[in-house]
Amino acid sequence: MNIEDVMADIRRDIKDSGADKIPLSFDDSKYTKTGHGSASLDDAVEYIAYNHEVQPYQIFTGNPIKVFMKKVLRKMAAFFVVPVVQQQNDLNSNFMVVAEAVKQQKEEIELMKRQLDDLNTRITKISGNK
């Protein structure tokens, strides 16, 4: 059996199951963390970095008349929605900068703690030798 036969079988199975009629969404927000709960600082910074930009529009699917009406309403509300979304994106970008700075400072503090522990160990060894 060659690749073309296998692909033809897969396409036929997809068509028979009706899976080709299901609208696909490339919105991957359902695969990301929710941002709630007791996440570590690293997880929170990663979440902010991944989700800091809000999209003012999404793709409409379904009944063509409803889709058309939604698009008309979206165009009519754009003067209000788009500036608010832009302000939110600016705020989120600043949050991301602050979160990354806090993460960097946390790493520096941990490094300093390790250095302090090392120095205290050395002092203890030197004091014990006298």
Protein backbone atom coordinates (compact mmCIF):
# COMPACT_ATOMS: atom_id res chain seq x y z
CA MET A 1 0.00 0.00 0.00
CA ASN A 2 1.46 3.37 -0.95
CA ILE A 3 1.01 6.80 0.57
CA GLU A 4 -1.55 7.97 -1.99
CA ASP A 5 -3.84 5.02 -1.15
CA VAL A 6 -3.53 5.70 2.58
CA MET A 7 -4.30 9.40 2.09
CA ALA A 8 -7.28 8.56 -0.12
CA ASP A 9 -8.63 6.26 2.63
CA ILE A 10 -8.14 8.98 5.25
CA ARG A 11 -9.91 11.58 3.10
CA ARG A 12 -12.79 9.18 2.47
CA ASP A 13 -13.13 8.46 6.22
CA ILE A 14 -13.14 12.16 6.99
CA LYS A 15 -15.80 12.84 4.37
CA ASP A 16 -17.94 9.88 5.49
CA SER A 17 -17.80 10.94 9.14
CA GLY A 18 -18.81 14.51 8.28
CA ALA A 19 -15.71 15.95 9.97
CA ASP A 20 -15.04 18.09 6.89
CA LYS A 21 -18.19 20.10 7.70
CA ILE A 22 -16.96 21.13 11.18
CA PRO A 23 -15.70 24.73 11.21
CA LEU A 24 -12.10 24.90 12.33
CA SER A 25 -10.93 27.50 14.81
CA PHE A 26 -7.32 28.42 15.24
CA ASP A 27 -8.06 30.10 18.55
CA ASP A 28 -5.64 28.38 20.90
CA SER A 29 -6.80 30.14 24.06
CA LYS A 30 -8.52 26.96 25.21
CA TYR A 31 -5.13 25.27 25.28
CA THR A 32 -3.49 27.86 27.52
CA LYS A 33 -3.55 28.23 31.26
CA THR A 34 -6.46 30.06 32.80
CA GLY A 35 -4.35 32.46 34.79
CA HIS A 36 -6.28 31.63 37.97
CA GLY A 37 -5.12 29.81 41.03
CA SER A 38 -1.75 29.61 42.71
CA ALA A 39 0.60 29.61 39.75
CA SER A 40 4.29 30.20 40.25
CA LEU A 41 5.85 33.46 39.14
CA ASP A 42 7.42 31.76 36.14
CA ASP A 43 4.05 30.36 35.06
CA ALA A 44 2.36 33.73 35.51
CA VAL A 45 5.00 35.54 33.45
CA GLU A 46 4.73 32.88 30.75
CA TYR A 47 0.93 33.27 30.71
CA ILE A 48 1.16 37.07 30.42
CA ALA A 49 3.76 36.84 27.67
CA TYR A 50 1.62 34.40 25.69
CA ASN A 51 -1.73 36.16 26.16
CA HIS A 52 -0.88 39.86 26.42
CA GLU A 53 -2.51 40.87 23.15
CA VAL A 54 -6.31 40.91 22.84
CA GLN A 55 -7.82 40.66 19.37
CA PRO A 56 -10.74 43.02 18.73
CA TYR A 57 -12.29 40.68 16.17
CA GLN A 58 -12.97 36.99 15.80
CA ILE A 59 -14.07 35.01 12.78
CA PHE A 60 -17.83 34.50 12.50
CA THR A 61 -19.18 31.19 11.22
CA GLY A 62 -22.62 29.75 10.71
CA ASN A 63 -25.71 31.16 9.05
CA PRO A 64 -24.60 33.66 6.35
CA ILE A 65 -27.36 36.15 7.24
CA LYS A 66 -26.39 36.12 10.93
CA VAL A 67 -22.72 36.43 9.98
CA PHE A 68 -23.49 39.43 7.79
CA MET A 69 -25.51 41.10 10.57
CA LYS A 70 -22.73 40.48 13.10
CA LYS A 71 -20.20 42.01 10.72
CA VAL A 72 -22.40 45.08 10.23
CA LEU A 73 -22.82 45.49 13.98
CA ARG A 74 -19.10 45.01 14.49
CA LYS A 75 -18.34 47.75 11.93
CA MET A 76 -20.81 50.07 13.66
CA ALA A 77 -19.23 49.46 17.09
CA ALA A 78 -15.60 49.57 15.87
CA PHE A 79 -15.20 53.26 16.74
CA PHE A 80 -15.74 52.31 20.39
CA VAL A 81 -14.32 48.78 20.64
CA VAL A 82 -11.00 49.16 18.80
CA PRO A 83 -9.62 52.03 20.97
CA VAL A 84 -10.58 50.18 24.16
CA VAL A 85 -8.87 47.02 22.92
CA GLN A 86 -5.77 49.04 21.99
CA GLN A 87 -5.67 50.58 25.47
CA GLN A 88 -5.97 47.12 27.01
CA ASN A 89 -3.16 45.81 24.78
CA ASP A 90 -0.93 48.73 25.85
CA LEU A 91 -1.69 48.03 29.51
CA ASN A 92 -1.03 44.31 29.04
CA SER A 93 2.31 45.06 27.34
CA ASN A 94 3.35 47.18 30.33
CA PHE A 95 2.25 44.42 32.71
CA MET A 96 4.42 42.02 30.74
CA VAL A 97 7.47 44.31 31.11
CA VAL A 98 6.90 44.61 34.86
CA ALA A 99 6.35 40.86 35.26
CA GLU A 100 9.56 40.08 33.39
CA ALA A 101 11.47 42.60 35.56
CA VAL A 102 10.07 41.01 38.73
CA LYS A 103 11.07 37.57 37.47
CA GLN A 104 14.60 38.81 36.70
CA GLN A 105 14.89 40.38 40.16
CA LYS A 106 13.70 37.14 41.75
CA GLU A 107 16.44 35.25 39.92
CA GLU A 108 19.03 37.82 41.05
CA ILE A 109 17.85 37.52 44.67
CA GLU A 110 18.12 33.73 44.51
CA LEU A 111 21.66 34.05 43.13
CA MET A 112 22.58 36.47 45.93
CA LYS A 113 21.13 34.07 48.53
CA ARG A 114 23.28 31.24 47.17
CA GLN A 115 26.34 33.50 47.24
CA LEU A 116 25.53 34.57 50.80
CA ASP A 117 25.16 30.94 51.90
CA ASP A 118 28.50 30.14 50.25
CA LEU A 119 30.20 33.09 51.97
CA ASN A 120 28.68 32.14 55.35
CA THR A 121 29.98 28.60 54.87
CA ARG A 122 33.45 29.95 54.11
CA ILE A 123 33.36 32.22 57.16
CA THR A 124 32.33 29.31 59.34
CA LYS A 125 35.22 27.20 57.98
CA ILE A 126 37.73 30.03 58.51
CA SER A 127 36.41 30.76 62.01
CA GLY A 128 36.61 27.06 62.90
CA ASN A 129 40.21 26.80 61.79
CA LYS A 130 41.43 29.51 64.25
